[in-house]
Amino acid sequence: MLHVVLIEPEIPQNTGNIARTCLAAGARLHLVEPLGFSTDAAALRRAGMDYWERCDVRQWPSFEALRSAADPEAGVYFLTTKTSRRYWDATFSDGDYLVFGRETRGLPESLLADEKARLLTVPMRADSRSLNLATSVGIVLYEACRQLRLPT
């Protein structure tokens, strides 16, 4: 199983789209607090996320808490615009974690500095705006699925 991690996601619609993509790919979604929205039943209904109960979603108080609970042998990749290493140059393995940051600010600089060897990017033209978070997750998650021949 692949893992998608959203650190401090801000926009419920993006998270809903990502949860739906994870459901289709058979991936687990990890949400790292604080969240910019509520995940209570009423809020999910209002957002039209009738599929949420079928998704494998875990919520964490911090990235450190998630990391300490994760398999230490699993690969952890951090997606950012601040590297030149393209996501398709990575060799993904079952159990890997794909970590994405907030919609408005990306991953924290301190995390990027500590994880330089594990940074990946979705390449874009220099004169373009960044891709939507849900789009980026879908691109990278399905490349990992392609490499692993998932979902089966």
Protein backbone atom coordinates (compact mmCIF):
# COMPACT_ATOMS: atom_id res chain seq x y z
CA MET A 1 0.00 0.00 0.00
CA LEU A 2 1.17 3.50 -0.80
CA HIS A 3 0.70 6.40 1.61
CA VAL A 4 -0.17 9.99 0.75
CA VAL A 5 0.61 12.54 3.45
CA LEU A 6 -0.85 16.05 3.50
CA ILE A 7 0.88 18.35 5.96
CA GLU A 8 -1.53 20.99 7.23
CA PRO A 9 -3.96 20.91 4.29
CA GLU A 10 -6.04 24.08 4.00
CA ILE A 11 -8.74 23.50 1.38
CA PRO A 12 -11.38 20.84 2.04
CA GLN A 13 -12.21 20.36 -1.64
CA ASN A 14 -8.58 19.52 -2.44
CA THR A 15 -8.44 17.06 0.44
CA GLY A 16 -11.73 15.53 -0.71
CA ASN A 17 -10.39 15.09 -4.25
CA ILE A 18 -7.18 13.58 -2.89
CA ALA A 19 -9.13 11.20 -0.63
CA ARG A 20 -11.15 10.08 -3.65
CA THR A 21 -7.96 9.51 -5.66
CA CYS A 22 -6.44 7.53 -2.78
CA LEU A 23 -9.60 5.41 -2.59
CA ALA A 24 -9.36 4.64 -6.33
CA ALA A 25 -5.65 3.80 -6.06
CA GLY A 26 -5.92 1.80 -2.84
CA ALA A 27 -3.68 4.23 -0.97
CA ARG A 28 -3.92 5.42 2.62
CA LEU A 29 -4.32 9.16 3.24
CA HIS A 30 -2.60 10.73 6.25
CA LEU A 31 -3.66 14.21 7.38
CA VAL A 32 -1.21 16.10 9.59
CA GLU A 33 -2.70 18.79 11.83
CA PRO A 34 -3.59 21.53 12.02
CA LEU A 35 -6.18 21.18 9.29
CA GLY A 36 -7.77 24.21 7.66
CA PHE A 37 -11.21 22.59 7.90
CA SER A 38 -13.28 20.20 9.97
CA THR A 39 -13.61 16.49 9.26
CA ASP A 40 -16.74 16.00 11.37
CA ALA A 41 -19.71 14.27 9.72
CA ALA A 42 -21.73 17.46 9.15
CA ALA A 43 -18.82 19.25 7.47
CA LEU A 44 -18.13 16.26 5.23
CA ARG A 45 -21.80 16.07 4.18
CA ARG A 46 -21.82 19.80 3.36
CA ALA A 47 -18.71 19.31 1.21
CA GLY A 48 -20.40 16.45 -0.67
CA MET A 49 -17.87 13.86 0.49
CA ASP A 50 -20.27 10.92 0.68
CA TYR A 51 -17.37 8.55 -0.04
CA TRP A 52 -15.25 9.67 2.97
CA GLU A 53 -16.28 6.70 5.13
CA ARG A 54 -14.87 4.32 2.50
CA CYS A 55 -11.48 6.07 2.46
CA ASP A 56 -8.56 4.89 4.56
CA VAL A 57 -7.75 8.17 6.34
CA ARG A 58 -5.57 8.65 9.41
CA GLN A 59 -5.17 11.93 11.24
CA TRP A 60 -1.96 12.89 13.09
CA PRO A 61 -1.18 15.68 15.56
CA SER A 62 2.24 16.23 13.93
CA PHE A 63 4.49 14.90 11.19
CA GLU A 64 6.86 13.63 13.87
CA ALA A 65 4.06 11.49 15.33
CA LEU A 66 3.34 9.99 11.91
CA ARG A 67 7.00 9.39 11.21
CA SER A 68 7.57 7.62 14.52
CA ALA A 69 4.64 5.29 13.81
CA ALA A 70 5.66 4.59 10.19
CA ASP A 71 7.70 1.62 9.04
CA PRO A 72 11.32 2.80 9.30
CA GLU A 73 12.16 0.84 6.13
CA ALA A 74 9.57 2.71 4.04
CA GLY A 75 10.71 5.31 1.55
CA VAL A 76 9.59 8.85 2.26
CA TYR A 77 9.48 11.36 -0.60
CA PHE A 78 8.79 15.06 -0.23
CA LEU A 79 7.14 16.85 -3.15
CA THR A 80 8.17 20.44 -3.71
CA THR A 81 8.86 23.00 -6.41
CA LYS A 82 12.23 23.63 -4.73
CA THR A 83 14.19 20.82 -6.35
CA SER A 84 15.06 19.71 -9.87
CA ARG A 85 14.73 15.93 -9.26
CA ARG A 86 11.65 14.82 -11.18
CA TYR A 87 9.16 12.38 -9.64
CA TRP A 88 9.59 9.91 -12.51
CA ASP A 89 13.28 9.56 -11.65
CA ALA A 90 12.37 7.97 -8.31
CA THR A 91 11.96 4.23 -7.91
CA PHE A 92 8.95 3.73 -5.69
CA SER A 93 8.34 0.71 -3.46
CA ASP A 94 5.26 -0.69 -1.82
CA GLY A 95 4.79 1.09 1.51
CA ASP A 96 6.35 4.39 0.45
CA TYR A 97 5.10 7.75 1.70
CA LEU A 98 4.47 10.66 -0.65
CA VAL A 99 4.49 13.87 1.41
CA PHE A 100 2.85 17.09 0.21
CA GLY A 101 2.62 20.49 1.88
CA ARG A 102 -0.01 23.18 2.23
CA GLU A 103 -1.70 24.59 -0.82
CA THR A 104 -0.47 28.13 -0.16
CA ARG A 105 3.05 27.53 1.19
CA GLY A 106 4.14 24.00 0.41
CA LEU A 107 6.32 22.06 2.81
CA PRO A 108 8.11 23.78 5.71
CA GLU A 109 11.61 24.99 4.85
CA SER A 110 13.06 23.14 7.86
CA LEU A 111 11.73 19.84 6.50
CA LEU A 112 13.11 20.54 3.03
CA ALA A 113 16.53 21.33 4.46
CA ASP A 114 16.60 18.05 6.41
CA GLU A 115 15.42 15.88 3.50
CA LYS A 116 17.35 17.12 0.45
CA ALA A 117 18.05 13.60 -0.85
CA ARG A 118 14.34 12.75 -0.79
CA LEU A 119 12.91 15.78 -2.58
CA LEU A 120 10.93 15.33 -5.79
CA THR A 121 9.10 17.71 -8.07
CA VAL A 122 6.43 17.66 -10.75
CA PRO A 123 8.17 19.66 -13.48
CA MET A 124 6.38 22.70 -14.83
CA ARG A 125 7.22 25.45 -17.25
CA ALA A 126 8.98 28.37 -15.58
CA ASP A 127 6.29 30.82 -16.68
CA SER A 128 3.37 28.77 -15.31
CA ARG A 129 1.57 28.74 -11.99
CA SER A 130 1.96 25.78 -9.69
CA LEU A 131 -0.37 22.85 -10.20
CA ASN A 132 -3.32 22.31 -7.89
CA LEU A 133 -2.39 20.09 -4.94
CA ALA A 134 -4.95 17.42 -5.86
CA THR A 135 -3.58 17.30 -9.40
CA SER A 136 0.00 16.94 -8.17
CA VAL A 137 -0.96 14.14 -5.79
CA GLY A 138 -2.76 12.30 -8.59
CA ILE A 139 0.21 12.59 -10.95
CA VAL A 140 2.78 11.28 -8.47
CA LEU A 141 0.55 8.66 -6.84
CA TYR A 142 -0.33 7.11 -10.18
CA GLU A 143 3.31 7.06 -11.28
CA ALA A 144 4.06 5.07 -8.12
CA CYS A 145 1.07 2.82 -8.89
CA ARG A 146 2.32 2.35 -12.46
CA GLN A 147 5.74 1.30 -11.23
CA LEU A 148 4.22 -1.11 -8.71
CA ARG A 149 1.44 -2.28 -11.05
CA LEU A 150 -1.22 -1.11 -8.58
CA PRO A 151 -4.13 -1.11 -8.00
CA THR A 152 -4.74 -4.76 -8.75
